[in-house]
N, C-alpha and C. Protein backbone atom coordinates (compact mmCIF):
# COMPACT_ATOMS: atom_id res chain seq x y z
N MET A 1 -7.92 -1.02 -6.87
CA MET A 1 -10.02 -0.38 -6.70
C MET A 1 -10.40 -1.16 -6.07
N GLN A 2 -11.61 -0.14 -5.08
CA GLN A 2 -11.98 -1.58 -3.51
C GLN A 2 -13.08 -2.44 -4.48
N GLN A 3 -13.18 -3.22 -3.74
CA GLN A 3 -13.26 -4.37 -4.22
C GLN A 3 -15.08 -4.44 -3.35
N ALA A 4 -16.21 -5.43 -3.57
CA ALA A 4 -16.64 -5.60 -2.81
C ALA A 4 -16.59 -5.69 -0.73
N GLU A 5 -17.76 -4.93 -0.06
CA GLU A 5 -16.83 -5.03 1.78
C GLU A 5 -17.61 -6.45 2.53
N ALA A 6 -17.10 -6.99 3.35
CA ALA A 6 -17.54 -7.24 4.18
C ALA A 6 -17.66 -7.35 5.40
N PHE A 7 -18.17 -7.61 6.66
CA PHE A 7 -17.98 -7.76 8.28
C PHE A 7 -18.28 -9.11 8.52
N LEU A 8 -17.84 -9.05 10.23
CA LEU A 8 -17.50 -9.61 11.11
C LEU A 8 -18.04 -9.26 11.98
N THR A 9 -19.27 -9.79 13.10
CA THR A 9 -18.57 -9.34 14.31
C THR A 9 -18.58 -10.10 15.42
N THR A 10 -17.63 -9.67 16.52
CA THR A 10 -17.39 -10.36 17.18
C THR A 10 -18.22 -9.61 19.05
N ARG A 11 -18.31 -10.73 20.14
CA ARG A 11 -18.43 -10.51 21.23
C ARG A 11 -17.54 -10.17 22.48
N THR A 12 -16.86 -10.82 21.96
CA THR A 12 -15.49 -11.21 22.84
C THR A 12 -13.93 -10.48 22.14
N GLU A 13 -12.62 -10.44 23.14
CA GLU A 13 -11.33 -10.32 22.34
C GLU A 13 -11.11 -11.52 21.86
N GLU A 14 -11.78 -12.54 22.83
CA GLU A 14 -11.30 -13.45 22.32
C GLU A 14 -11.29 -13.99 20.62
N GLU A 15 -12.93 -13.48 20.00
CA GLU A 15 -13.41 -13.61 19.02
C GLU A 15 -12.69 -13.12 18.22
N THR A 16 -11.81 -11.23 18.83
CA THR A 16 -11.38 -10.56 17.46
C THR A 16 -10.75 -11.59 17.24
N ALA A 17 -9.59 -12.23 18.49
CA ALA A 17 -8.55 -12.73 17.95
C ALA A 17 -8.56 -13.68 17.20
N TYR A 18 -9.82 -14.43 16.97
CA TYR A 18 -9.54 -15.55 16.17
C TYR A 18 -9.76 -15.39 14.86
N ILE A 19 -10.40 -14.52 14.66
CA ILE A 19 -10.75 -14.17 13.07
C ILE A 19 -9.73 -13.38 12.75
N GLY A 20 -8.66 -12.69 13.68
CA GLY A 20 -7.17 -12.45 13.01
C GLY A 20 -6.75 -13.78 12.76
N GLU A 21 -6.87 -14.68 13.88
CA GLU A 21 -5.73 -15.95 13.41
C GLU A 21 -6.50 -16.19 12.23
N MET A 22 -8.36 -16.52 12.11
CA MET A 22 -7.70 -17.10 10.80
C MET A 22 -7.33 -16.42 9.60
N LEU A 23 -7.12 -15.02 9.65
CA LEU A 23 -6.72 -14.38 8.47
C LEU A 23 -5.33 -14.58 7.99
N GLY A 24 -4.74 -15.29 9.21
CA GLY A 24 -3.33 -15.26 9.32
C GLY A 24 -3.29 -16.48 9.04
N ARG A 25 -4.32 -18.00 9.05
CA ARG A 25 -4.13 -19.03 8.32
C ARG A 25 -4.01 -19.28 7.52
N ILE A 26 -4.59 -17.95 7.05
CA ILE A 26 -5.34 -18.29 4.78
C ILE A 26 -4.13 -17.32 4.25
N LEU A 27 -3.39 -15.83 4.77
CA LEU A 27 -2.06 -15.41 4.40
C LEU A 27 -1.60 -16.50 4.14
N THR A 28 -0.50 -16.18 2.41
CA THR A 28 -0.21 -16.78 1.72
C THR A 28 1.32 -15.83 0.72
N GLU A 29 0.70 -14.92 0.99
CA GLU A 29 1.58 -13.72 0.16
C GLU A 29 1.89 -13.12 1.18
N PRO A 30 2.72 -12.00 0.59
CA PRO A 30 3.11 -10.44 1.17
C PRO A 30 1.88 -9.61 0.63
N LEU A 31 1.39 -9.09 1.94
CA LEU A 31 -0.06 -8.42 2.06
C LEU A 31 0.74 -6.71 2.74
N VAL A 32 -0.33 -5.89 2.52
CA VAL A 32 0.13 -4.62 3.82
C VAL A 32 -1.75 -5.16 3.79
N ILE A 33 -2.05 -5.04 5.58
CA ILE A 33 -3.34 -5.14 6.12
C ILE A 33 -2.99 -3.68 6.78
N ALA A 34 -4.03 -2.46 6.41
CA ALA A 34 -4.04 -1.49 6.88
C ALA A 34 -5.70 -1.52 8.19
N LEU A 35 -5.00 -1.07 8.94
CA LEU A 35 -6.28 -1.34 10.43
C LEU A 35 -6.62 0.44 10.83
N LYS A 36 -8.03 0.35 10.79
CA LYS A 36 -8.28 1.65 11.20
C LYS A 36 -9.90 1.17 12.25
N GLY A 37 -9.45 2.09 13.24
CA GLY A 37 -10.37 2.01 14.80
C GLY A 37 -9.71 2.95 15.49
N GLU A 38 -10.80 4.12 16.68
CA GLU A 38 -10.33 4.02 17.93
C GLU A 38 -9.33 3.49 18.44
N LEU A 39 -8.80 4.39 19.50
CA LEU A 39 -8.23 3.67 20.48
C LEU A 39 -9.41 2.50 21.24
N GLY A 40 -8.69 1.23 21.35
CA GLY A 40 -9.27 0.44 22.91
C GLY A 40 -10.53 -0.80 21.46
N ALA A 41 -10.57 -0.15 20.35
CA ALA A 41 -11.03 -1.08 19.55
C ALA A 41 -10.77 -2.72 19.23
N GLY A 42 -9.81 -2.61 19.66
CA GLY A 42 -8.83 -3.76 19.39
C GLY A 42 -7.98 -4.10 18.29
N LYS A 43 -7.41 -2.82 17.32
CA LYS A 43 -6.28 -3.59 16.43
C LYS A 43 -4.90 -4.90 16.75
N THR A 44 -4.64 -4.19 17.49
CA THR A 44 -3.56 -5.24 18.05
C THR A 44 -4.26 -6.57 18.79
N VAL A 45 -5.26 -6.85 19.62
CA VAL A 45 -5.84 -7.91 19.93
C VAL A 45 -5.97 -8.45 18.50
N PHE A 46 -6.88 -7.91 17.12
CA PHE A 46 -6.62 -8.60 16.17
C PHE A 46 -5.09 -8.94 15.21
N VAL A 47 -4.10 -8.52 15.36
CA VAL A 47 -2.98 -8.38 15.21
C VAL A 47 -2.62 -9.69 15.93
N ARG A 48 -2.94 -9.84 16.71
CA ARG A 48 -1.95 -10.42 17.76
C ARG A 48 -2.22 -11.70 17.38
N GLY A 49 -3.89 -11.82 16.97
CA GLY A 49 -4.25 -13.43 16.74
C GLY A 49 -3.75 -13.47 15.33
N ALA A 50 -3.62 -12.87 14.03
CA ALA A 50 -3.48 -13.12 13.21
C ALA A 50 -1.56 -13.21 13.05
N ALA A 51 -0.96 -12.47 13.43
CA ALA A 51 -0.09 -13.31 14.34
C ALA A 51 0.20 -14.44 14.44
N ARG A 52 -0.85 -14.98 15.35
CA ARG A 52 -0.53 -17.09 16.04
C ARG A 52 -0.66 -17.62 14.76
N GLY A 53 -1.98 -17.01 13.92
CA GLY A 53 -2.09 -17.98 12.64
C GLY A 53 -1.54 -18.15 11.47
N LEU A 54 0.11 -16.75 11.84
CA LEU A 54 0.88 -17.07 10.75
C LEU A 54 2.40 -17.85 11.52
N GLY A 55 1.96 -18.24 12.89
CA GLY A 55 2.90 -18.80 13.33
C GLY A 55 4.11 -18.62 14.53
N VAL A 56 3.37 -17.16 14.74
CA VAL A 56 4.60 -16.06 15.39
C VAL A 56 4.39 -17.57 16.40
N ALA A 57 5.66 -17.33 17.76
CA ALA A 57 5.43 -18.30 19.18
C ALA A 57 5.69 -17.00 20.16
N GLU A 58 6.27 -15.35 19.91
CA GLU A 58 6.63 -15.02 20.75
C GLU A 58 5.42 -14.03 21.29
N PRO A 59 5.43 -13.36 22.11
CA PRO A 59 3.96 -12.11 22.17
C PRO A 59 3.78 -11.16 21.18
N VAL A 60 2.87 -10.69 21.09
CA VAL A 60 2.42 -9.53 20.29
C VAL A 60 2.15 -8.36 21.31
N SER A 61 3.16 -7.04 20.73
CA SER A 61 2.09 -5.55 22.00
C SER A 61 2.22 -4.79 20.85
N SER A 62 1.94 -3.56 21.40
CA SER A 62 1.70 -2.97 20.12
C SER A 62 2.74 -2.23 20.31
N PRO A 63 2.70 -1.58 19.07
CA PRO A 63 4.46 -0.78 18.87
C PRO A 63 4.71 0.62 18.96
N THR A 64 3.06 1.21 19.77
CA THR A 64 3.13 2.50 19.76
C THR A 64 4.48 3.14 19.98
N PHE A 65 5.77 3.01 20.86
CA PHE A 65 6.78 4.44 21.06
C PHE A 65 7.77 3.80 20.34
N VAL A 66 7.58 2.30 19.38
CA VAL A 66 8.87 1.94 18.98
C VAL A 66 8.79 1.91 17.16
N LEU A 67 7.12 2.62 16.72
CA LEU A 67 6.68 2.38 15.85
C LEU A 67 6.24 1.52 14.71
N MET A 68 7.82 0.21 15.07
CA MET A 68 7.22 -1.11 14.00
C MET A 68 8.01 -2.11 15.08
N LYS A 69 7.38 -3.09 14.91
CA LYS A 69 8.14 -4.42 15.27
C LYS A 69 8.17 -5.87 14.56
N ILE A 70 8.51 -6.09 14.21
CA ILE A 70 9.11 -7.82 13.35
C ILE A 70 8.98 -8.73 14.27
N TYR A 71 7.95 -9.95 13.72
CA TYR A 71 7.84 -11.02 14.38
C TYR A 71 8.14 -11.79 13.31
N HIS A 72 8.77 -13.22 14.05
CA HIS A 72 9.49 -14.20 13.01
C HIS A 72 8.28 -15.41 13.36
N GLY A 73 7.46 -15.80 11.51
CA GLY A 73 6.62 -17.23 11.42
C GLY A 73 6.57 -17.57 10.11
N ARG A 74 5.65 -18.17 9.22
CA ARG A 74 5.61 -19.02 8.77
C ARG A 74 6.07 -18.02 7.50
N LEU A 75 5.37 -16.58 7.42
CA LEU A 75 5.33 -15.02 7.22
C LEU A 75 6.10 -13.92 8.09
N PRO A 76 7.76 -13.45 8.00
CA PRO A 76 8.02 -12.23 8.19
C PRO A 76 6.43 -11.40 8.88
N VAL A 77 6.28 -11.05 10.62
CA VAL A 77 5.01 -9.89 10.57
C VAL A 77 6.20 -8.80 10.55
N TYR A 78 5.14 -7.94 9.93
CA TYR A 78 5.89 -6.49 10.28
C TYR A 78 4.88 -5.39 10.96
N HIS A 79 5.33 -4.98 12.46
CA HIS A 79 3.80 -4.32 12.64
C HIS A 79 3.38 -2.78 13.09
N PHE A 80 3.14 -2.15 12.37
CA PHE A 80 3.78 -0.81 12.48
C PHE A 80 2.49 -0.11 13.60
N ASP A 81 2.68 0.63 14.22
CA ASP A 81 1.52 1.85 14.78
C ASP A 81 1.49 3.20 14.58
N PHE A 82 1.10 4.27 13.28
CA PHE A 82 1.14 5.22 13.29
C PHE A 82 0.89 6.44 13.77
N TYR A 83 0.33 6.58 15.16
CA TYR A 83 -0.74 6.37 15.63
C TYR A 83 -0.04 7.86 16.17
N ARG A 84 1.46 7.83 16.62
CA ARG A 84 2.10 9.16 16.70
C ARG A 84 2.94 9.66 15.77
N LEU A 85 2.14 9.48 14.17
CA LEU A 85 3.37 9.99 13.26
C LEU A 85 1.60 11.09 13.10
N SER A 86 2.56 12.17 12.08
CA SER A 86 1.66 13.45 11.51
C SER A 86 1.41 13.48 10.06
N PRO A 87 0.67 13.32 9.58
CA PRO A 87 0.30 13.12 8.45
C PRO A 87 1.51 14.03 7.60
N ASP A 88 2.00 14.81 7.75
CA ASP A 88 3.50 15.47 7.14
C ASP A 88 4.71 15.08 6.95
N GLU A 89 4.31 13.70 7.89
CA GLU A 89 6.17 13.29 7.61
C GLU A 89 6.76 12.94 7.20
N GLU A 90 8.06 13.41 7.12
CA GLU A 90 8.57 13.12 5.52
C GLU A 90 8.66 11.22 5.28
N LEU A 91 7.93 10.47 4.11
CA LEU A 91 8.20 9.44 4.14
C LEU A 91 9.44 8.67 3.72
N GLY A 92 9.97 9.64 2.81
CA GLY A 92 10.76 8.63 3.02
C GLY A 92 12.25 8.58 4.47
N GLU A 93 12.34 9.44 5.32
CA GLU A 93 12.90 9.48 5.91
C GLU A 93 13.02 7.76 6.89
N LEU A 94 11.76 7.31 6.86
CA LEU A 94 10.65 6.49 7.65
C LEU A 94 11.66 5.60 7.12
N GLY A 95 11.43 5.07 6.32
CA GLY A 95 12.64 4.32 5.67
C GLY A 95 11.59 2.65 5.95
N PHE A 96 10.00 2.67 5.96
CA PHE A 96 9.73 2.18 6.31
C PHE A 96 8.93 0.86 4.64
N ASP A 97 8.97 2.14 3.58
CA ASP A 97 8.34 1.40 2.04
C ASP A 97 9.09 -0.08 2.02
N GLU A 98 10.33 -0.46 2.14
CA GLU A 98 10.72 -1.84 2.13
C GLU A 98 9.92 -3.16 2.94
N TYR A 99 9.08 -2.24 3.90
CA TYR A 99 7.98 -3.41 4.93
C TYR A 99 6.98 -3.47 3.89
N LEU A 100 6.39 -2.84 2.89
CA LEU A 100 5.50 -2.98 2.49
C LEU A 100 5.22 -3.37 1.32
N PRO A 101 4.95 -4.51 1.13
CA PRO A 101 4.72 -5.38 2.48
C PRO A 101 6.31 -6.01 2.41
N GLY A 102 7.51 -5.52 1.52
CA GLY A 102 8.70 -6.57 1.72
C GLY A 102 8.18 -7.77 1.22
N SER A 103 8.42 -9.34 2.31
CA SER A 103 8.84 -10.27 2.08
C SER A 103 7.70 -11.12 3.38
N GLY A 104 7.12 -10.09 3.86
CA GLY A 104 6.08 -11.10 4.94
C GLY A 104 4.66 -10.08 4.69
N ILE A 105 3.93 -9.81 6.07
CA ILE A 105 2.80 -9.41 6.49
C ILE A 105 2.91 -7.50 6.97
N ALA A 106 2.47 -6.86 6.57
CA ALA A 106 2.74 -5.54 6.90
C ALA A 106 1.40 -4.92 7.79
N PHE A 107 0.72 -5.01 9.16
CA PHE A 107 -0.44 -4.79 9.52
C PHE A 107 -0.18 -3.46 10.04
N ILE A 108 -0.77 -2.36 9.98
CA ILE A 108 -0.39 -0.69 10.29
C ILE A 108 -1.43 -0.60 10.93
N GLU A 109 -1.36 -0.63 11.78
CA GLU A 109 -2.08 0.56 12.91
C GLU A 109 -2.38 1.76 12.62
N TRP A 110 -3.44 2.32 12.39
CA TRP A 110 -3.72 3.87 12.04
C TRP A 110 -3.42 4.60 10.91
N ALA A 111 -3.40 3.81 9.38
CA ALA A 111 -2.29 3.79 8.17
C ALA A 111 -3.07 4.94 8.09
N GLU A 112 -4.65 5.66 8.34
CA GLU A 112 -4.99 6.54 7.98
C GLU A 112 -4.18 7.64 7.98
N ARG A 113 -3.28 7.77 8.38
CA ARG A 113 -2.33 8.90 9.79
C ARG A 113 -1.27 9.17 8.06
N LEU A 114 -0.34 8.25 7.57
CA LEU A 114 0.17 8.06 6.27
C LEU A 114 -0.41 7.52 4.75
N PRO A 115 -1.49 7.83 4.46
CA PRO A 115 -2.10 6.83 3.26
C PRO A 115 -1.21 6.63 2.59
N GLY A 116 -0.12 7.78 1.83
CA GLY A 116 0.59 7.62 0.93
C GLY A 116 1.81 6.58 0.82
N LEU A 117 1.48 6.06 2.43
CA LEU A 117 2.32 4.66 2.24
C LEU A 117 1.68 3.02 1.70
N LEU A 118 0.38 3.03 1.67
CA LEU A 118 -0.48 2.06 0.77
C LEU A 118 -0.53 2.05 -0.07
N PRO A 119 0.15 0.25 -0.75
CA PRO A 119 0.36 0.40 -1.80
C PRO A 119 -1.32 0.16 -2.31
N PRO A 120 -1.08 -0.13 -4.27
CA PRO A 120 -2.86 -0.51 -4.35
C PRO A 120 -3.15 -1.51 -4.48
N ASP A 121 -2.88 -2.48 -3.90
CA ASP A 121 -3.57 -3.95 -3.70
C ASP A 121 -2.97 -4.11 -2.01
N TYR A 122 -4.11 -3.69 -0.93
CA TYR A 122 -3.82 -4.16 0.21
C TYR A 122 -5.28 -4.20 0.75
N LEU A 123 -4.99 -4.64 1.87
CA LEU A 123 -6.78 -5.20 2.93
C LEU A 123 -6.85 -4.17 4.46
N LEU A 124 -7.75 -3.17 4.10
CA LEU A 124 -8.16 -2.37 4.80
C LEU A 124 -9.11 -3.21 6.43
N VAL A 125 -8.76 -3.23 7.76
CA VAL A 125 -9.37 -3.61 8.00
C VAL A 125 -9.92 -2.62 9.73
N HIS A 126 -11.51 -2.26 9.49
CA HIS A 126 -12.08 -0.73 9.59
C HIS A 126 -12.54 -2.12 11.34
N ILE A 127 -11.96 -1.44 12.57
CA ILE A 127 -12.70 -2.24 14.09
C ILE A 127 -13.01 -0.96 14.23
N GLU A 128 -15.10 -1.30 14.57
CA GLU A 128 -15.43 -0.38 15.40
C GLU A 128 -16.17 -1.02 16.30
N HIS A 129 -16.74 -0.26 17.61
CA HIS A 129 -17.01 -0.75 18.58
C HIS A 129 -18.78 -0.46 18.24
N PHE A 130 -19.73 -1.21 19.51
CA PHE A 130 -21.38 -0.70 19.11
C PHE A 130 -21.76 -1.34 20.62
N TYR A 131 -22.56 -1.14 20.56
CA TYR A 131 -23.76 -1.21 21.84
C TYR A 131 -24.96 -2.05 21.53
N ASP A 132 -26.00 -3.15 22.11
CA ASP A 132 -27.07 -3.26 21.69
C ASP A 132 -27.75 -4.18 23.00
N THR A 133 -29.09 -4.53 22.36
CA THR A 133 -28.80 -5.20 23.71
C THR A 133 -28.33 -6.49 24.35
N LYS A 134 -27.50 -7.01 23.30
CA LYS A 134 -26.61 -8.29 24.14
C LYS A 134 -25.70 -7.40 24.34
N GLY A 135 -25.40 -6.26 24.51
CA GLY A 135 -24.29 -5.51 25.23
C GLY A 135 -22.89 -5.02 24.24
N GLU A 136 -21.67 -5.10 24.35
CA GLU A 136 -20.43 -4.32 23.91
C GLU A 136 -19.98 -5.85 22.54
N GLY A 137 -20.28 -4.69 21.05
CA GLY A 137 -19.34 -5.91 20.58
C GLY A 137 -18.80 -5.36 20.07
N ARG A 138 -17.81 -5.68 18.69
CA ARG A 138 -16.75 -4.82 17.47
C ARG A 138 -17.48 -5.59 16.53
N ARG A 139 -17.44 -4.70 15.03
CA ARG A 139 -17.52 -4.73 14.01
C ARG A 139 -16.47 -5.09 13.10
N LEU A 140 -16.48 -5.64 12.61
CA LEU A 140 -14.54 -5.88 11.77
C LEU A 140 -14.77 -5.63 10.19
N TRP A 141 -14.83 -4.92 9.31
CA TRP A 141 -15.69 -4.01 7.68
C TRP A 141 -13.94 -4.72 7.09
N PHE A 142 -14.38 -5.33 6.22
CA PHE A 142 -12.86 -6.21 5.26
C PHE A 142 -13.48 -5.41 4.50
N HIS A 143 -12.12 -4.56 3.88
CA HIS A 143 -12.62 -3.74 2.44
C HIS A 143 -11.51 -4.12 1.49
N PRO A 144 -11.22 -4.69 0.59
CA PRO A 144 -10.34 -5.09 -0.07
C PRO A 144 -9.85 -4.46 -1.29
N TYR A 145 -8.73 -3.87 -1.22
CA TYR A 145 -7.62 -3.07 -2.43
C TYR A 145 -7.50 -4.31 -3.24
N GLY A 146 -8.05 -4.51 -4.59
CA GLY A 146 -6.56 -5.64 -5.22
C GLY A 146 -7.66 -6.86 -5.33
N HIS A 147 -7.21 -7.59 -6.24
CA HIS A 147 -7.65 -8.37 -6.79
C HIS A 147 -7.34 -10.22 -5.81
N SER A 148 -6.09 -9.42 -5.03
CA SER A 148 -5.78 -10.65 -3.73
C SER A 148 -6.10 -10.33 -2.67
N ALA A 149 -6.23 -9.22 -1.88
CA ALA A 149 -6.85 -8.61 -0.96
C ALA A 149 -8.40 -9.53 -1.16
N SER A 150 -8.85 -9.20 -2.10
CA SER A 150 -11.01 -9.80 -2.27
C SER A 150 -10.79 -11.27 -2.22
N GLN A 151 -9.47 -11.65 -2.69
CA GLN A 151 -10.00 -13.36 -2.87
C GLN A 151 -9.75 -13.12 -1.07
N ILE A 152 -8.64 -13.07 -0.67
CA ILE A 152 -8.66 -13.10 1.19
C ILE A 152 -9.59 -12.67 2.13
N VAL A 153 -10.90 -11.99 1.44
CA VAL A 153 -11.89 -11.23 2.73
C VAL A 153 -13.10 -12.73 1.99
N GLU A 154 -12.94 -13.32 0.87
CA GLU A 154 -13.02 -13.87 0.26
C GLU A 154 -13.43 -15.39 1.22
N THR A 155 -11.92 -15.96 1.43
CA THR A 155 -12.31 -17.34 1.87
C THR A 155 -12.01 -16.72 3.54
N ILE A 156 -11.40 -15.36 4.00
CA ILE A 156 -11.87 -15.97 5.79
C ILE A 156 -13.39 -15.69 6.16
N ILE A 157 -14.23 -15.25 4.77
CA ILE A 157 -16.03 -15.26 5.19
C ILE A 157 -16.48 -16.62 5.03
N GLU A 158 -15.88 -17.38 4.34
CA GLU A 158 -16.49 -18.49 3.94
C GLU A 158 -15.51 -19.43 5.28
N ALA A 159 -14.81 -19.21 5.84
CA ALA A 159 -13.90 -19.86 7.03
C ALA A 159 -14.86 -20.22 7.99
N ILE A 160 -15.30 -18.53 9.06
CA ILE A 160 -15.88 -18.62 9.74
C ILE A 160 -17.49 -18.71 9.82
N VAL A 161 -17.19 -19.81 10.89
CA VAL A 161 -18.31 -20.46 11.33
C VAL A 161 -19.34 -20.73 12.95
N TRP A 162 -20.40 -19.57 12.43
CA TRP A 162 -21.08 -19.68 13.47
C TRP A 162 -22.31 -20.61 14.39
N ARG A 163 -21.84 -20.59 15.22
CA ARG A 163 -22.71 -21.68 16.70
C ARG A 163 -24.57 -21.28 16.11
N THR A 164 -25.00 -21.88 16.73
CA THR A 164 -26.97 -21.46 16.37
C THR A 164 -27.00 -20.47 17.92
N ASP A 165 -26.49 -19.79 18.71
CA ASP A 165 -26.76 -18.75 19.66
C ASP A 165 -25.90 -17.38 19.12
N GLY A 166 -25.30 -17.60 17.74
CA GLY A 166 -25.10 -16.44 17.03
C GLY A 166 -23.28 -16.16 17.29
N SER A 167 -23.19 -16.95 18.24
CA SER A 167 -21.69 -16.79 18.67
C SER A 167 -20.61 -17.91 17.62
N LEU A 168 -19.48 -17.14 17.81
CA LEU A 168 -18.40 -17.80 16.76
C LEU A 168 -18.02 -18.83 17.40
N ASN A 169 -17.45 -19.97 16.31
CA ASN A 169 -17.24 -21.14 16.39
C ASN A 169 -15.78 -21.31 16.85
N THR A 170 -15.30 -21.16 17.70
CA THR A 170 -13.79 -20.68 17.76
C THR A 170 -13.03 -22.11 18.17
N GLN A 171 -13.35 -23.35 17.52
CA GLN A 171 -13.33 -24.93 17.78
C GLN A 171 -13.41 -25.13 16.39
N PRO A 172 -11.90 -26.12 16.01
CA PRO A 172 -11.84 -26.37 14.53
C PRO A 172 -12.89 -27.62 14.12
N THR A 173 -12.99 -27.47 12.99
CA THR A 173 -14.05 -28.02 12.49
C THR A 173 -13.43 -29.43 11.69
N ARG A 174 -13.89 -30.97 12.05
CA ARG A 174 -12.67 -32.13 11.50
C ARG A 174 -13.24 -32.05 9.59
């Protein structure tokens, strides 16, 4: 069951990555995070930040051509990209079910292509472009499905600090 949604606005790639990093710091148990957004919206940037927050030291890149990459941090990070898959793919043959969520955090770009793989408890992060008088930005919509995903959304919204000029404070608070 979907719970209350929330969104955050970013103006730079660094801010998008920072919100991902904050999420990564919060995560303590296995979870599936489905990522939705058009090409170039910032899905991989968000995952890169989250992986940093989970203690991944190696560079994170899009798994578009390999479908999945595994990174080692505080929890394992499974980074999927379903862009090249069609909805009629034979799910059993892919073998992804052992990673969803498995013992770690599974980030799935283009998860809407294979919705049958999503467990009942997951977090959907929809990243959308927008333009206004201040220029280009992103809205990161957090749609939790299930209790643990709802708690994570509540925690991340409380953890984000804004400056008086409306920009995201990416400096640690004391």
